[in-house]
């Protein structure tokens, strides 16, 4: 008996066994180092004077103050 159980009959051609083993090897996932991410630009200055940068109570419309 073979290590994995019964041997197949008829015995497969060694080239077929090599091709199947190569196909299985190609299908397996391999660990790959991630690509370096570019540094994100500092965006705080772009929004410094916008209306949405003020706190919510300061943005509320109060008609009695006009």
C-alpha atoms as a PDB file:
ATOM      1  CA  UNK A   1       0.000   0.000   0.000  1.00  0.00           C
ATOM      2  CA  UNK A   2       1.044   3.552  -0.630  1.00  0.00           C
ATOM      3  CA  UNK A   3       1.343   6.099   2.153  1.00  0.00           C
ATOM      4  CA  UNK A   4      -1.987   7.740   1.192  1.00  0.00           C
ATOM      5  CA  UNK A   5      -3.975   4.545   0.665  1.00  0.00           C
ATOM      6  CA  UNK A   6      -4.484   2.423  -2.428  1.00  0.00           C
ATOM      7  CA  UNK A   7      -2.425   3.043  -5.539  1.00  0.00           C
ATOM      8  CA  UNK A   8      -4.403   4.157  -8.590  1.00  0.00           C
ATOM      9  CA  UNK A   9      -4.868   1.726 -11.488  1.00  0.00           C
ATOM     10  CA  UNK A  10      -3.722   2.233 -14.171  1.00  0.00           C
ATOM     11  CA  UNK A  11      -0.615   4.057 -12.988  1.00  0.00           C
ATOM     12  CA  UNK A  12      -0.755   7.728 -14.198  1.00  0.00           C
ATOM     13  CA  UNK A  13       1.886   8.981 -16.587  1.00  0.00           C
ATOM     14  CA  UNK A  14       4.664  10.869 -14.727  1.00  0.00           C
ATOM     15  CA  UNK A  15       4.180  13.879 -17.048  1.00  0.00           C
ATOM     16  CA  UNK A  16       0.488  14.093 -16.094  1.00  0.00           C
ATOM     17  CA  UNK A  17       1.383  13.861 -12.412  1.00  0.00           C
ATOM     18  CA  UNK A  18       3.956  16.643 -12.852  1.00  0.00           C
ATOM     19  CA  UNK A  19       1.452  18.858 -14.720  1.00  0.00           C
ATOM     20  CA  UNK A  20      -1.244  18.383 -12.066  1.00  0.00           C
ATOM     21  CA  UNK A  21       1.268  19.086  -9.296  1.00  0.00           C
ATOM     22  CA  UNK A  22       2.412  22.268 -11.092  1.00  0.00           C
ATOM     23  CA  UNK A  23      -1.199  23.420 -11.561  1.00  0.00           C
ATOM     24  CA  UNK A  24      -1.980  22.878  -7.874  1.00  0.00           C
ATOM     25  CA  UNK A  25       1.197  24.734  -6.932  1.00  0.00           C
ATOM     26  CA  UNK A  26       0.176  27.713  -9.103  1.00  0.00           C
ATOM     27  CA  UNK A  27      -3.308  27.852  -7.538  1.00  0.00           C
ATOM     28  CA  UNK A  28      -2.079  28.081  -3.954  1.00  0.00           C
ATOM     29  CA  UNK A  29      -1.941  31.570  -2.422  1.00  0.00           C
ATOM     30  CA  UNK A  30       1.420  32.962  -1.509  1.00  0.00           C
ATOM     31  CA  UNK A  31       2.216  35.694   0.988  1.00  0.00           C
ATOM     32  CA  UNK A  32       3.260  38.881  -0.767  1.00  0.00           C
ATOM     33  CA  UNK A  33       4.622  42.017   0.822  1.00  0.00           C
ATOM     34  CA  UNK A  34       2.107  44.855   0.430  1.00  0.00           C
ATOM     35  CA  UNK A  35       3.036  47.751  -1.795  1.00  0.00           C
ATOM     36  CA  UNK A  36       4.146  50.827   0.134  1.00  0.00           C
ATOM     37  CA  UNK A  37       1.351  53.372   0.454  1.00  0.00           C
ATOM     38  CA  UNK A  38       2.175  56.954  -0.456  1.00  0.00           C
ATOM     39  CA  UNK A  39       2.076  59.422   2.397  1.00  0.00           C
ATOM     40  CA  UNK A  40      -1.313  61.080   2.673  1.00  0.00           C
ATOM     41  CA  UNK A  41      -1.208  64.859   2.263  1.00  0.00           C
ATOM     42  CA  UNK A  42      -2.113  67.028   5.212  1.00  0.00           C
ATOM     43  CA  UNK A  43      -5.617  68.300   4.406  1.00  0.00           C
ATOM     44  CA  UNK A  44      -6.432  70.381   7.500  1.00  0.00           C
ATOM     45  CA  UNK A  45      -5.461  73.711   5.922  1.00  0.00           C
ATOM     46  CA  UNK A  46      -7.977  73.244   3.100  1.00  0.00           C
ATOM     47  CA  UNK A  47     -10.945  73.286   5.456  1.00  0.00           C
ATOM     48  CA  UNK A  48      -9.783  75.829   7.998  1.00  0.00           C
ATOM     49  CA  UNK A  49     -12.189  78.649   7.091  1.00  0.00           C
ATOM     50  CA  UNK A  50     -15.233  76.756   5.878  1.00  0.00           C
ATOM     51  CA  UNK A  51     -18.654  76.978   7.456  1.00  0.00           C
ATOM     52  CA  UNK A  52     -18.634  73.310   8.380  1.00  0.00           C
ATOM     53  CA  UNK A  53     -15.455  73.713  10.406  1.00  0.00           C
ATOM     54  CA  UNK A  54     -17.313  75.725  13.075  1.00  0.00           C
ATOM     55  CA  UNK A  55     -19.031  73.853  15.950  1.00  0.00           C
ATOM     56  CA  UNK A  56     -22.676  72.894  15.389  1.00  0.00           C
ATOM     57  CA  UNK A  57     -24.178  75.463  17.824  1.00  0.00           C
ATOM     58  CA  UNK A  58     -22.342  78.258  16.014  1.00  0.00           C
ATOM     59  CA  UNK A  59     -23.744  77.096  12.653  1.00  0.00           C
ATOM     60  CA  UNK A  60     -27.413  77.107  13.719  1.00  0.00           C
ATOM     61  CA  UNK A  61     -29.487  79.797  12.098  1.00  0.00           C
ATOM     62  CA  UNK A  62     -30.970  82.112  14.761  1.00  0.00           C
ATOM     63  CA  UNK A  63     -33.371  84.575  13.081  1.00  0.00           C
ATOM     64  CA  UNK A  64     -33.807  86.632  16.269  1.00  0.00           C
ATOM     65  CA  UNK A  65     -30.095  87.528  16.155  1.00  0.00           C
ATOM     66  CA  UNK A  66     -30.231  89.145  12.672  1.00  0.00           C
END
